[in-house]
Amino acid sequence: MHRRTLTRQHRWIGIVLLLPFLAWSLTGIFFLVRPGYEEAYERIPVRQYELPPTINLEVDPNWTEIRLFRSVLGDHLIIQDATGWHHLAADTLQQWPLPNEEDLARLLEDAFHYISSHKCFGG
């Protein structure tokens, strides 16, 4: 008799402990198949400003591709050569330094402002 009670209690405890797992699984499936959820994982685009009509730029013949754009941090020159891609400052042609926290905050705030004002990502 005592064994039957323990078996019944064990079964009910198992069912109760299974309920949170089922709820977690259902919410996971919901977020997996929910339309438009991919947008949450898209890259935040860097806001690019208009460049001046004329730019003095010394082009190296070893560069195979050049991308020039202006952001809130300045003029960027992205070049590709035989060794790969390089991020240079357009005015000095020196390697662009890694941004500090203040520069990253400025860049992200500018991108968020641009996204919210232009209703990007279906917003």
PDB file of N, CA and C in Angstrom:
ATOM      1  N   MET A   1       0.823  -1.181   0.000  1.00  0.00           N
ATOM      2  CA  MET A   1       0.000   0.000   0.000  1.00  0.00           C
ATOM      3  C   MET A   1       0.873   1.253   0.000  1.00  0.00           C
ATOM      4  N   HIS A   2       1.909   1.233   0.804  1.00  0.00           N
ATOM      5  CA  HIS A   2       2.809   2.374   0.897  1.00  0.00           C
ATOM      6  C   HIS A   2       3.554   2.604  -0.426  1.00  0.00           C
ATOM      7  N   ARG A   3       3.919   1.524  -1.088  1.00  0.00           N
ATOM      8  CA  ARG A   3       4.625   1.606  -2.369  1.00  0.00           C
ATOM      9  C   ARG A   3       3.726   2.232  -3.437  1.00  0.00           C
ATOM     10  N   ARG A   4       2.445   1.911  -3.460  1.00  0.00           N
ATOM     11  CA  ARG A   4       1.501   2.450  -4.426  1.00  0.00           C
ATOM     12  C   ARG A   4       1.366   3.972  -4.232  1.00  0.00           C
ATOM     13  N   THR A   5       1.340   4.440  -3.010  1.00  0.00           N
ATOM     14  CA  THR A   5       1.245   5.870  -2.720  1.00  0.00           C
ATOM     15  C   THR A   5       2.497   6.596  -3.193  1.00  0.00           C
ATOM     16  N   LEU A   6       3.654   6.008  -2.941  1.00  0.00           N
ATOM     17  CA  LEU A   6       4.909   6.613  -3.399  1.00  0.00           C
ATOM     18  C   LEU A   6       4.977   6.667  -4.921  1.00  0.00           C
ATOM     19  N   THR A   7       4.511   5.618  -5.582  1.00  0.00           N
ATOM     20  CA  THR A   7       4.509   5.589  -7.044  1.00  0.00           C
ATOM     21  C   THR A   7       3.604   6.680  -7.590  1.00  0.00           C
ATOM     22  N   ARG A   8       2.415   6.844  -6.997  1.00  0.00           N
ATOM     23  CA  ARG A   8       1.468   7.864  -7.433  1.00  0.00           C
ATOM     24  C   ARG A   8       2.046   9.273  -7.213  1.00  0.00           C
ATOM     25  N   GLN A   9       2.650   9.484  -6.050  1.00  0.00           N
ATOM     26  CA  GLN A   9       3.251  10.796  -5.764  1.00  0.00           C
ATOM     27  C   GLN A   9       4.401  11.090  -6.727  1.00  0.00           C
ATOM     28  N   HIS A  10       5.191  10.077  -6.995  1.00  0.00           N
ATOM     29  CA  HIS A  10       6.324  10.232  -7.904  1.00  0.00           C
ATOM     30  C   HIS A  10       5.839  10.607  -9.306  1.00  0.00           C
ATOM     31  N   ARG A  11       4.751   9.971  -9.742  1.00  0.00           N
ATOM     32  CA  ARG A  11       4.187  10.275 -11.049  1.00  0.00           C
ATOM     33  C   ARG A  11       3.695  11.719 -11.101  1.00  0.00           C
ATOM     34  N   TRP A  12       2.984  12.184 -10.100  1.00  0.00           N
ATOM     35  CA  TRP A  12       2.455  13.549 -10.083  1.00  0.00           C
ATOM     36  C   TRP A  12       3.571  14.589  -9.975  1.00  0.00           C
ATOM     37  N   ILE A  13       4.577  14.301  -9.193  1.00  0.00           N
ATOM     38  CA  ILE A  13       5.718  15.222  -9.111  1.00  0.00           C
ATOM     39  C   ILE A  13       6.408  15.321 -10.471  1.00  0.00           C
ATOM     40  N   GLY A  14       6.545  14.207 -11.160  1.00  0.00           N
ATOM     41  CA  GLY A  14       7.130  14.213 -12.501  1.00  0.00           C
ATOM     42  C   GLY A  14       6.319  15.041 -13.477  1.00  0.00           C
ATOM     43  N   ILE A  15       4.990  14.911 -13.413  1.00  0.00           N
ATOM     44  CA  ILE A  15       4.122  15.688 -14.303  1.00  0.00           C
ATOM     45  C   ILE A  15       4.236  17.172 -13.991  1.00  0.00           C
ATOM     46  N   VAL A  16       4.230  17.518 -12.710  1.00  0.00           N
ATOM     47  CA  VAL A  16       4.344  18.931 -12.317  1.00  0.00           C
ATOM     48  C   VAL A  16       5.685  19.511 -12.768  1.00  0.00           C
ATOM     49  N   LEU A  17       6.751  18.741 -12.630  1.00  0.00           N
ATOM     50  CA  LEU A  17       8.071  19.226 -13.069  1.00  0.00           C
ATOM     51  C   LEU A  17       8.187  19.280 -14.587  1.00  0.00           C
ATOM     52  N   LEU A  18       7.384  18.524 -15.288  1.00  0.00           N
ATOM     53  CA  LEU A  18       7.405  18.536 -16.747  1.00  0.00           C
ATOM     54  C   LEU A  18       6.705  19.769 -17.323  1.00  0.00           C
ATOM     55  N   LEU A  19       5.760  20.342 -16.605  1.00  0.00           N
ATOM     56  CA  LEU A  19       4.993  21.486 -17.101  1.00  0.00           C
ATOM     57  C   LEU A  19       5.871  22.698 -17.442  1.00  0.00           C
ATOM     58  N   PRO A  20       6.808  23.131 -16.583  1.00  0.00           N
ATOM     59  CA  PRO A  20       7.657  24.268 -16.987  1.00  0.00           C
ATOM     60  C   PRO A  20       8.487  23.971 -18.234  1.00  0.00           C
ATOM     61  N   PHE A  21       8.954  22.728 -18.370  1.00  0.00           N
ATOM     62  CA  PHE A  21       9.711  22.361 -19.563  1.00  0.00           C
ATOM     63  C   PHE A  21       8.846  22.472 -20.811  1.00  0.00           C
ATOM     64  N   LEU A  22       7.592  22.017 -20.725  1.00  0.00           N
ATOM     65  CA  LEU A  22       6.678  22.125 -21.866  1.00  0.00           C
ATOM     66  C   LEU A  22       6.389  23.583 -22.206  1.00  0.00           C
ATOM     67  N   ALA A  23       6.179  24.420 -21.194  1.00  0.00           N
ATOM     68  CA  ALA A  23       5.923  25.848 -21.440  1.00  0.00           C
ATOM     69  C   ALA A  23       7.142  26.487 -22.097  1.00  0.00           C
ATOM     70  N   TRP A  24       8.329  26.158 -21.621  1.00  0.00           N
ATOM     71  CA  TRP A  24       9.559  26.701 -22.201  1.00  0.00           C
ATOM     72  C   TRP A  24       9.702  26.250 -23.653  1.00  0.00           C
ATOM     73  N   SER A  25       9.378  24.999 -23.939  1.00  0.00           N
ATOM     74  CA  SER A  25       9.473  24.488 -25.309  1.00  0.00           C
ATOM     75  C   SER A  25       8.480  25.182 -26.230  1.00  0.00           C
ATOM     76  N   LEU A  26       7.261  25.389 -25.758  1.00  0.00           N
ATOM     77  CA  LEU A  26       6.245  26.048 -26.588  1.00  0.00           C
ATOM     78  C   LEU A  26       6.626  27.490 -26.896  1.00  0.00           C
ATOM     79  N   THR A  27       7.157  28.228 -25.929  1.00  0.00           N
ATOM     80  CA  THR A  27       7.574  29.604 -26.206  1.00  0.00           C
ATOM     81  C   THR A  27       8.762  29.613 -27.162  1.00  0.00           C
ATOM     82  N   GLY A  28       9.654  28.641 -27.039  1.00  0.00           N
ATOM     83  CA  GLY A  28      10.779  28.547 -27.971  1.00  0.00           C
ATOM     84  C   GLY A  28      10.316  28.302 -29.388  1.00  0.00           C
ATOM     85  N   ILE A  29       9.356  27.410 -29.554  1.00  0.00           N
ATOM     86  CA  ILE A  29       8.806  27.128 -30.888  1.00  0.00           C
ATOM     87  C   ILE A  29       8.106  28.365 -31.432  1.00  0.00           C
ATOM     88  N   PHE A  30       7.371  29.072 -30.571  1.00  0.00           N
ATOM     89  CA  PHE A  30       6.674  30.287 -31.003  1.00  0.00           C
ATOM     90  C   PHE A  30       7.665  31.310 -31.550  1.00  0.00           C
ATOM     91  N   PHE A  31       8.758  31.555 -30.818  1.00  0.00           N
ATOM     92  CA  PHE A  31       9.721  32.554 -31.268  1.00  0.00           C
ATOM     93  C   PHE A  31      10.527  32.069 -32.465  1.00  0.00           C
ATOM     94  N   LEU A  32      10.607  30.768 -32.654  1.00  0.00           N
ATOM     95  CA  LEU A  32      11.319  30.236 -33.812  1.00  0.00           C
ATOM     96  C   LEU A  32      10.524  30.435 -35.096  1.00  0.00           C
ATOM     97  N   VAL A  33       9.217  30.248 -35.049  1.00  0.00           N
ATOM     98  CA  VAL A  33       8.406  30.320 -36.257  1.00  0.00           C
ATOM     99  C   VAL A  33       7.670  31.647 -36.416  1.00  0.00           C
ATOM    100  N   ARG A  34       7.771  32.518 -35.443  1.00  0.00           N
ATOM    101  CA  ARG A  34       7.079  33.807 -35.512  1.00  0.00           C
ATOM    102  C   ARG A  34       7.622  34.622 -36.681  1.00  0.00           C
ATOM    103  N   PRO A  35       6.768  35.129 -37.575  1.00  0.00           N
ATOM    104  CA  PRO A  35       7.267  35.900 -38.716  1.00  0.00           C
ATOM    105  C   PRO A  35       7.863  37.230 -38.274  1.00  0.00           C
ATOM    106  N   GLY A  36       8.922  37.627 -38.942  1.00  0.00           N
ATOM    107  CA  GLY A  36       9.562  38.903 -38.642  1.00  0.00           C
ATOM    108  C   GLY A  36      10.567  38.841 -37.522  1.00  0.00           C
ATOM    109  N   TYR A  37      10.766  37.696 -36.910  1.00  0.00           N
ATOM    110  CA  TYR A  37      11.680  37.606 -35.776  1.00  0.00           C
ATOM    111  C   TYR A  37      13.140  37.717 -36.215  1.00  0.00           C
ATOM    112  N   GLU A  38      13.410  37.439 -37.507  1.00  0.00           N
ATOM    113  CA  GLU A  38      14.780  37.522 -38.009  1.00  0.00           C
ATOM    114  C   GLU A  38      15.332  38.939 -37.874  1.00  0.00           C
ATOM    115  N   GLU A  39      14.438  39.918 -37.931  1.00  0.00           N
ATOM    116  CA  GLU A  39      14.874  41.320 -37.869  1.00  0.00           C
ATOM    117  C   GLU A  39      15.573  41.639 -36.567  1.00  0.00           C
ATOM    118  N   ALA A  40      15.256  40.910 -35.517  1.00  0.00           N
ATOM    119  CA  ALA A  40      15.889  41.177 -34.230  1.00  0.00           C
ATOM    120  C   ALA A  40      17.370  40.847 -34.266  1.00  0.00           C
ATOM    121  N   TYR A  41      17.783  40.000 -35.184  1.00  0.00           N
ATOM    122  CA  TYR A  41      19.183  39.586 -35.262  1.00  0.00           C
ATOM    123  C   TYR A  41      19.931  40.209 -36.433  1.00  0.00           C
ATOM    124  N   GLU A  42      19.308  41.141 -37.141  1.00  0.00           N
ATOM    125  CA  GLU A  42      19.996  41.790 -38.247  1.00  0.00           C
ATOM    126  C   GLU A  42      21.059  42.744 -37.731  1.00  0.00           C
ATOM    127  N   ARG A  43      22.045  42.989 -38.546  1.00  0.00           N
ATOM    128  CA  ARG A  43      23.084  43.956 -38.188  1.00  0.00           C
ATOM    129  C   ARG A  43      22.512  45.356 -38.193  1.00  0.00           C
ATOM    130  N   ILE A  44      23.004  46.168 -37.299  1.00  0.00           N
ATOM    131  CA  ILE A  44      22.595  47.569 -37.264  1.00  0.00           C
ATOM    132  C   ILE A  44      23.414  48.291 -38.323  1.00  0.00           C
ATOM    133  N   PRO A  45      22.763  48.904 -39.300  1.00  0.00           N
ATOM    134  CA  PRO A  45      23.524  49.574 -40.360  1.00  0.00           C
ATOM    135  C   PRO A  45      24.166  50.859 -39.847  1.00  0.00           C
ATOM    136  N   VAL A  46      25.407  51.085 -40.262  1.00  0.00           N
ATOM    137  CA  VAL A  46      26.085  52.331 -39.940  1.00  0.00           C
ATOM    138  C   VAL A  46      25.500  53.412 -40.832  1.00  0.00           C
ATOM    139  N   ARG A  47      25.084  54.498 -40.212  1.00  0.00           N
ATOM    140  CA  ARG A  47      24.519  55.598 -40.997  1.00  0.00           C
ATOM    141  C   ARG A  47      25.637  56.243 -41.797  1.00  0.00           C
ATOM    142  N   GLN A  48      25.424  56.334 -43.109  1.00  0.00           N
ATOM    143  CA  GLN A  48      26.434  56.909 -43.995  1.00  0.00           C
ATOM    144  C   GLN A  48      25.962  58.272 -44.473  1.00  0.00           C
ATOM    145  N   TYR A  49      26.834  59.255 -44.291  1.00  0.00           N
ATOM    146  CA  TYR A  49      26.538  60.621 -44.690  1.00  0.00           C
ATOM    147  C   TYR A  49      27.070  60.889 -46.089  1.00  0.00           C
ATOM    148  N   GLU A  50      26.569  61.947 -46.687  1.00  0.00           N
ATOM    149  CA  GLU A  50      26.971  62.318 -48.034  1.00  0.00           C
ATOM    150  C   GLU A  50      28.428  62.786 -48.037  1.00  0.00           C
ATOM    151  N   LEU A  51      29.159  62.337 -49.041  1.00  0.00           N
ATOM    152  CA  LEU A  51      30.554  62.740 -49.205  1.00  0.00           C
ATOM    153  C   LEU A  51      30.622  64.042 -49.994  1.00  0.00           C
ATOM    154  N   PRO A  52      31.706  64.791 -49.831  1.00  0.00           N
ATOM    155  CA  PRO A  52      31.854  66.008 -50.640  1.00  0.00           C
ATOM    156  C   PRO A  52      31.995  65.643 -52.116  1.00  0.00           C
ATOM    157  N   PRO A  53      31.668  66.594 -53.020  1.00  0.00           N
ATOM    158  CA  PRO A  53      31.718  66.283 -54.464  1.00  0.00           C
ATOM    159  C   PRO A  53      33.112  65.892 -54.948  1.00  0.00           C
ATOM    160  N   THR A  54      34.156  66.467 -54.381  1.00  0.00           N
ATOM    161  CA  THR A  54      35.521  66.105 -54.787  1.00  0.00           C
ATOM    162  C   THR A  54      36.306  65.639 -53.569  1.00  0.00           C
ATOM    163  N   ILE A  55      37.058  64.577 -53.778  1.00  0.00           N
ATOM    164  CA  ILE A  55      37.880  64.015 -52.699  1.00  0.00           C
ATOM    165  C   ILE A  55      39.265  63.752 -53.266  1.00  0.00           C
ATOM    166  N   ASN A  56      40.273  64.250 -52.578  1.00  0.00           N
ATOM    167  CA  ASN A  56      41.653  63.964 -52.964  1.00  0.00           C
ATOM    168  C   ASN A  56      42.083  62.683 -52.262  1.00  0.00           C
ATOM    169  N   LEU A  57      42.330  61.651 -53.055  1.00  0.00           N
ATOM    170  CA  LEU A  57      42.669  60.354 -52.505  1.00  0.00           C
ATOM    171  C   LEU A  57      43.785  59.739 -53.334  1.00  0.00           C
ATOM    172  N   GLU A  58      44.866  59.372 -52.667  1.00  0.00           N
ATOM    173  CA  GLU A  58      45.962  58.695 -53.357  1.00  0.00           C
ATOM    174  C   GLU A  58      45.644  57.202 -53.391  1.00  0.00           C
ATOM    175  N   VAL A  59      45.433  56.699 -54.592  1.00  0.00           N
ATOM    176  CA  VAL A  59      45.058  55.302 -54.761  1.00  0.00           C
ATOM    177  C   VAL A  59      46.305  54.469 -55.030  1.00  0.00           C
ATOM    178  N   ASP A  60      46.451  53.416 -54.268  1.00  0.00           N
ATOM    179  CA  ASP A  60      47.565  52.487 -54.435  1.00  0.00           C
ATOM    180  C   ASP A  60      47.191  51.490 -55.533  1.00  0.00           C
ATOM    181  N   PRO A  61      48.050  51.252 -56.505  1.00  0.00           N
ATOM    182  CA  PRO A  61      47.712  50.312 -57.587  1.00  0.00           C
ATOM    183  C   PRO A  61      47.530  48.870 -57.104  1.00  0.00           C
ATOM    184  N   ASN A  62      47.978  48.549 -55.883  1.00  0.00           N
ATOM    185  CA  ASN A  62      47.825  47.191 -55.348  1.00  0.00           C
ATOM    186  C   ASN A  62      46.426  46.954 -54.755  1.00  0.00           C
ATOM    187  N   TRP A  63      45.655  48.018 -54.608  1.00  0.00           N
ATOM    188  CA  TRP A  63      44.312  47.872 -54.072  1.00  0.00           C
ATOM    189  C   TRP A  63      43.406  47.296 -55.156  1.00  0.00           C
ATOM    190  N   THR A  64      42.652  46.275 -54.816  1.00  0.00           N
ATOM    191  CA  THR A  64      41.745  45.666 -55.790  1.00  0.00           C
ATOM    192  C   THR A  64      40.310  46.163 -55.637  1.00  0.00           C
ATOM    193  N   GLU A  65      39.987  46.716 -54.466  1.00  0.00           N
ATOM    194  CA  GLU A  65      38.652  47.270 -54.252  1.00  0.00           C
ATOM    195  C   GLU A  65      38.740  48.393 -53.224  1.00  0.00           C
ATOM    196  N   ILE A  66      37.921  49.425 -53.444  1.00  0.00           N
ATOM    197  CA  ILE A  66      37.907  50.587 -52.558  1.00  0.00           C
ATOM    198  C   ILE A  66      36.464  50.912 -52.195  1.00  0.00           C
ATOM    199  N   ARG A  67      36.240  51.178 -50.916  1.00  0.00           N
ATOM    200  CA  ARG A  67      34.937  51.649 -50.446  1.00  0.00           C
ATOM    201  C   ARG A  67      35.194  52.873 -49.571  1.00  0.00           C
ATOM    202  N   LEU A  68      34.544  53.955 -49.907  1.00  0.00           N
ATOM    203  CA  LEU A  68      34.722  55.207 -49.177  1.00  0.00           C
ATOM    204  C   LEU A  68      33.368  55.668 -48.667  1.00  0.00           C
ATOM    205  N   PHE A  69      33.289  55.964 -47.369  1.00  0.00           N
ATOM    206  CA  PHE A  69      32.037  56.478 -46.811  1.00  0.00           C
ATOM    207  C   PHE A  69      32.335  57.347 -45.604  1.00  0.00           C
ATOM    208  N   ARG A  70      31.338  58.134 -45.249  1.00  0.00           N
ATOM    209  CA  ARG A  70      31.451  59.041 -44.110  1.00  0.00           C
ATOM    210  C   ARG A  70      30.438  58.610 -43.055  1.00  0.00           C
ATOM    211  N   SER A  71      30.902  58.531 -41.809  1.00  0.00           N
ATOM    212  CA  SER A  71      30.017  58.245 -40.684  1.00  0.00           C
ATOM    213  C   SER A  71      30.152  59.385 -39.681  1.00  0.00           C
ATOM    214  N   VAL A  72      29.478  59.246 -38.572  1.00  0.00           N
ATOM    215  CA  VAL A  72      29.561  60.258 -37.527  1.00  0.00           C
ATOM    216  C   VAL A  72      30.986  60.320 -36.951  1.00  0.00           C
ATOM    217  N   LEU A  73      31.782  59.302 -37.160  1.00  0.00           N
ATOM    218  CA  LEU A  73      33.159  59.268 -36.661  1.00  0.00           C
ATOM    219  C   LEU A  73      34.171  59.853 -37.644  1.00  0.00           C
ATOM    220  N   GLY A  74      33.793  60.041 -38.898  1.00  0.00           N
ATOM    221  CA  GLY A  74      34.707  60.597 -39.887  1.00  0.00           C
ATOM    222  C   GLY A  74      34.621  59.872 -41.209  1.00  0.00           C
ATOM    223  N   ASP A  75      35.638  60.101 -42.065  1.00  0.00           N
ATOM    224  CA  ASP A  75      35.693  59.487 -43.393  1.00  0.00           C
ATOM    225  C   ASP A  75      36.458  58.169 -43.316  1.00  0.00           C
ATOM    226  N   HIS A  76      35.812  57.131 -43.789  1.00  0.00           N
ATOM    227  CA  HIS A  76      36.379  55.777 -43.725  1.00  0.00           C
ATOM    228  C   HIS A  76      36.771  55.332 -45.126  1.00  0.00           C
ATOM    229  N   LEU A  77      37.877  54.652 -45.216  1.00  0.00           N
ATOM    230  CA  LEU A  77      38.332  54.068 -46.470  1.00  0.00           C
ATOM    231  C   LEU A  77      38.549  52.581 -46.215  1.00  0.00           C
ATOM    232  N   ILE A  78      37.763  51.767 -46.873  1.00  0.00           N
ATOM    233  CA  ILE A  78      37.894  50.313 -46.767  1.00  0.00           C
ATOM    234  C   ILE A  78      38.533  49.846 -48.067  1.00  0.00           C
ATOM    235  N   ILE A  79      39.678  49.207 -47.955  1.00  0.00           N
ATOM    236  CA  ILE A  79      40.381  48.757 -49.159  1.00  0.00           C
ATOM    237  C   ILE A  79      40.638  47.252 -49.075  1.00  0.00           C
ATOM    238  N   GLN A  80      40.747  46.663 -50.251  1.00  0.00           N
ATOM    239  CA  GLN A  80      41.138  45.262 -50.331  1.00  0.00           C
ATOM    240  C   GLN A  80      42.397  45.184 -51.172  1.00  0.00           C
ATOM    241  N   ASP A  81      43.368  44.434 -50.666  1.00  0.00           N
ATOM    242  CA  ASP A  81      44.578  44.175 -51.432  1.00  0.00           C
ATOM    243  C   ASP A  81      44.873  42.679 -51.361  1.00  0.00           C
ATOM    244  N   ALA A  82      46.070  42.298 -51.720  1.00  0.00           N
ATOM    245  CA  ALA A  82      46.410  40.876 -51.758  1.00  0.00           C
ATOM    246  C   ALA A  82      46.353  40.218 -50.379  1.00  0.00           C
ATOM    247  N   THR A  83      46.529  41.012 -49.316  1.00  0.00           N
ATOM    248  CA  THR A  83      46.526  40.438 -47.967  1.00  0.00           C
ATOM    249  C   THR A  83      45.144  40.428 -47.320  1.00  0.00           C
ATOM    250  N   GLY A  84      44.158  41.091 -47.939  1.00  0.00           N
ATOM    251  CA  GLY A  84      42.808  41.089 -47.377  1.00  0.00           C
ATOM    252  C   GLY A  84      42.238  42.494 -47.272  1.00  0.00           C
ATOM    253  N   TRP A  85      41.235  42.633 -46.398  1.00  0.00           N
ATOM    254  CA  TRP A  85      40.555  43.903 -46.206  1.00  0.00           C
ATOM    255  C   TRP A  85      41.236  44.722 -45.117  1.00  0.00           C
ATOM    256  N   HIS A  86      41.248  46.057 -45.319  1.00  0.00           N
ATOM    257  CA  HIS A  86      41.848  46.971 -44.349  1.00  0.00           C
ATOM    258  C   HIS A  86      40.945  48.191 -44.194  1.00  0.00           C
ATOM    259  N   HIS A  87      40.859  48.674 -42.971  1.00  0.00           N
ATOM    260  CA  HIS A  87      40.051  49.852 -42.661  1.00  0.00           C
ATOM    261  C   HIS A  87      41.005  51.005 -42.378  1.00  0.00           C
ATOM    262  N   LEU A  88      40.995  52.016 -43.251  1.00  0.00           N
ATOM    263  CA  LEU A  88      41.928  53.137 -43.135  1.00  0.00           C
ATOM    264  C   LEU A  88      41.169  54.441 -42.919  1.00  0.00           C
ATOM    265  N   ALA A  89      41.855  55.396 -42.335  1.00  0.00           N
ATOM    266  CA  ALA A  89      41.321  56.754 -42.258  1.00  0.00           C
ATOM    267  C   ALA A  89      41.543  57.386 -43.630  1.00  0.00           C
ATOM    268  N   ALA A  90      40.510  57.960 -44.213  1.00  0.00           N
ATOM    269  CA  ALA A  90      40.594  58.466 -45.582  1.00  0.00           C
ATOM    270  C   ALA A  90      41.569  59.627 -45.720  1.00  0.00           C
ATOM    271  N   ASP A  91      41.720  60.427 -44.687  1.00  0.00           N
ATOM    272  CA  ASP A  91      42.596  61.601 -44.802  1.00  0.00           C
ATOM    273  C   ASP A  91      44.075  61.265 -44.608  1.00  0.00           C
ATOM    274  N   THR A  92      44.397  60.266 -43.790  1.00  0.00           N
ATOM    275  CA  THR A  92      45.803  59.952 -43.509  1.00  0.00           C
ATOM    276  C   THR A  92      46.278  58.640 -44.127  1.00  0.00           C
ATOM    277  N   LEU A  93      45.344  57.806 -44.569  1.00  0.00           N
ATOM    278  CA  LEU A  93      45.632  56.461 -45.089  1.00  0.00           C
ATOM    279  C   LEU A  93      46.317  55.577 -44.051  1.00  0.00           C
ATOM    280  N   GLN A  94      46.127  55.898 -42.789  1.00  0.00           N
ATOM    281  CA  GLN A  94      46.641  55.078 -41.692  1.00  0.00           C
ATOM    282  C   GLN A  94      45.546  54.127 -41.223  1.00  0.00           C
ATOM    283  N   GLN A  95      45.965  53.032 -40.605  1.00  0.00           N
ATOM    284  CA  GLN A  95      45.012  52.061 -40.067  1.00  0.00           C
ATOM    285  C   GLN A  95      44.043  52.757 -39.110  1.00  0.00           C
ATOM    286  N   TRP A  96      42.743  52.532 -39.301  1.00  0.00           N
ATOM    287  CA  TRP A  96      41.724  53.132 -38.432  1.00  0.00           C
ATOM    288  C   TRP A  96      41.825  52.467 -37.063  1.00  0.00           C
ATOM    289  N   PRO A  97      41.961  53.248 -35.996  1.00  0.00           N
ATOM    290  CA  PRO A  97      42.082  52.637 -34.663  1.00  0.00           C
ATOM    291  C   PRO A  97      40.746  52.045 -34.205  1.00  0.00           C
ATOM    292  N   LEU A  98      40.829  51.068 -33.342  1.00  0.00           N
ATOM    293  CA  LEU A  98      39.609  50.508 -32.779  1.00  0.00           C
ATOM    294  C   LEU A  98      38.899  51.592 -31.984  1.00  0.00           C
ATOM    295  N   PRO A  99      37.582  51.693 -32.111  1.00  0.00           N
ATOM    296  CA  PRO A  99      36.862  52.764 -31.410  1.00  0.00           C
ATOM    297  C   PRO A  99      36.815  52.516 -29.902  1.00  0.00           C
ATOM    298  N   ASN A 100      36.867  53.610 -29.151  1.00  0.00           N
ATOM    299  CA  ASN A 100      36.710  53.503 -27.705  1.00  0.00           C
ATOM    300  C   ASN A 100      35.217  53.471 -27.380  1.00  0.00           C
ATOM    301  N   GLU A 101      34.879  53.387 -26.102  1.00  0.00           N
ATOM    302  CA  GLU A 101      33.470  53.267 -25.708  1.00  0.00           C
ATOM    303  C   GLU A 101      32.666  54.497 -26.122  1.00  0.00           C
ATOM    304  N   GLU A 102      33.256  55.674 -26.023  1.00  0.00           N
ATOM    305  CA  GLU A 102      32.553  56.903 -26.393  1.00  0.00           C
ATOM    306  C   GLU A 102      32.228  56.926 -27.888  1.00  0.00           C
ATOM    307  N   ASP A 103      33.201  56.532 -28.721  1.00  0.00           N
ATOM    308  CA  ASP A 103      32.965  56.483 -30.166  1.00  0.00           C
ATOM    309  C   ASP A 103      31.920  55.431 -30.528  1.00  0.00           C
ATOM    310  N   LEU A 104      31.973  54.274 -29.873  1.00  0.00           N
ATOM    311  CA  LEU A 104      30.969  53.244 -30.130  1.00  0.00           C
ATOM    312  C   LEU A 104      29.575  53.736 -29.757  1.00  0.00           C
ATOM    313  N   ALA A 105      29.471  54.440 -28.631  1.00  0.00           N
ATOM    314  CA  ALA A 105      28.173  54.979 -28.211  1.00  0.00           C
ATOM    315  C   ALA A 105      27.658  55.987 -29.238  1.00  0.00           C
ATOM    316  N   ARG A 106      28.545  56.867 -29.743  1.00  0.00           N
ATOM    317  CA  ARG A 106      28.137  57.847 -30.760  1.00  0.00           C
ATOM    318  C   ARG A 106      27.661  57.152 -32.030  1.00  0.00           C
ATOM    319  N   LEU A 107      28.385  56.133 -32.445  1.00  0.00           N
ATOM    320  CA  LEU A 107      28.036  55.393 -33.660  1.00  0.00           C
ATOM    321  C   LEU A 107      26.690  54.683 -33.510  1.00  0.00           C
ATOM    322  N   LEU A 108      26.479  54.031 -32.368  1.00  0.00           N
ATOM    323  CA  LEU A 108      25.225  53.322 -32.146  1.00  0.00           C
ATOM    324  C   LEU A 108      24.051  54.287 -31.991  1.00  0.00           C
ATOM    325  N   GLU A 109      24.240  55.376 -31.267  1.00  0.00           N
ATOM    326  CA  GLU A 109      23.159  56.351 -31.120  1.00  0.00           C
ATOM    327  C   GLU A 109      22.752  56.926 -32.478  1.00  0.00           C
ATOM    328  N   ASP A 110      23.731  57.209 -33.317  1.00  0.00           N
ATOM    329  CA  ASP A 110      23.441  57.727 -34.648  1.00  0.00           C
ATOM    330  C   ASP A 110      22.671  56.693 -35.478  1.00  0.00           C
ATOM    331  N   ALA A 111      23.081  55.429 -35.397  1.00  0.00           N
ATOM    332  CA  ALA A 111      22.404  54.364 -36.144  1.00  0.00           C
ATOM    333  C   ALA A 111      20.982  54.167 -35.628  1.00  0.00           C
ATOM    334  N   PHE A 112      20.797  54.160 -34.304  1.00  0.00           N
ATOM    335  CA  PHE A 112      19.453  53.982 -33.742  1.00  0.00           C
ATOM    336  C   PHE A 112      18.552  55.146 -34.117  1.00  0.00           C
ATOM    337  N   HIS A 113      19.089  56.346 -34.091  1.00  0.00           N
ATOM    338  CA  HIS A 113      18.306  57.522 -34.454  1.00  0.00           C
ATOM    339  C   HIS A 113      17.875  57.420 -35.927  1.00  0.00           C
ATOM    340  N   TYR A 114      18.799  56.996 -36.772  1.00  0.00           N
ATOM    341  CA  TYR A 114      18.504  56.840 -38.197  1.00  0.00           C
ATOM    342  C   TYR A 114      17.428  55.777 -38.415  1.00  0.00           C
ATOM    343  N   ILE A 115      17.558  54.648 -37.720  1.00  0.00           N
ATOM    344  CA  ILE A 115      16.591  53.552 -37.866  1.00  0.00           C
ATOM    345  C   ILE A 115      15.205  54.019 -37.421  1.00  0.00           C
ATOM    346  N   SER A 116      15.130  54.660 -36.261  1.00  0.00           N
ATOM    347  CA  SER A 116      13.821  55.062 -35.734  1.00  0.00           C
ATOM    348  C   SER A 116      13.184  56.167 -36.581  1.00  0.00           C
ATOM    349  N   SER A 117      14.000  57.061 -37.157  1.00  0.00           N
ATOM    350  CA  SER A 117      13.431  58.140 -37.960  1.00  0.00           C
ATOM    351  C   SER A 117      13.036  57.685 -39.359  1.00  0.00           C
ATOM    352  N   HIS A 118      13.604  56.610 -39.841  1.00  0.00           N
ATOM    353  CA  HIS A 118      13.287  56.131 -41.192  1.00  0.00           C
ATOM    354  C   HIS A 118      12.441  54.864 -41.178  1.00  0.00           C
ATOM    355  N   LYS A 119      11.986  54.470 -40.019  1.00  0.00           N
ATOM    356  CA  LYS A 119      11.107  53.304 -39.890  1.00  0.00           C
ATOM    357  C   LYS A 119      11.703  52.064 -40.538  1.00  0.00           C
ATOM    358  N   CYS A 120      13.019  51.869 -40.347  1.00  0.00           N
ATOM    359  CA  CYS A 120      13.671  50.682 -40.875  1.00  0.00           C
ATOM    360  C   CYS A 120      13.206  49.457 -40.096  1.00  0.00           C
ATOM    361  N   PHE A 121      13.424  48.293 -40.609  1.00  0.00           N
ATOM    362  CA  PHE A 121      13.119  47.017 -39.983  1.00  0.00           C
ATOM    363  C   PHE A 121      11.628  46.879 -39.680  1.00  0.00           C
ATOM    364  N   GLY A 122      10.788  47.461 -40.493  1.00  0.00           N
ATOM    365  CA  GLY A 122       9.355  47.286 -40.320  1.00  0.00           C
ATOM    366  C   GLY A 122       8.784  48.008 -39.113  1.00  0.00           C
ATOM    367  N   GLY A 123       9.551  48.908 -38.480  1.00  0.00           N
ATOM    368  CA  GLY A 123       9.133  49.599 -37.265  1.00  0.00           C
ATOM    369  C   GLY A 123       8.177  50.635 -37.529  1.00  0.00           C
TER     370      GLY A 123
END
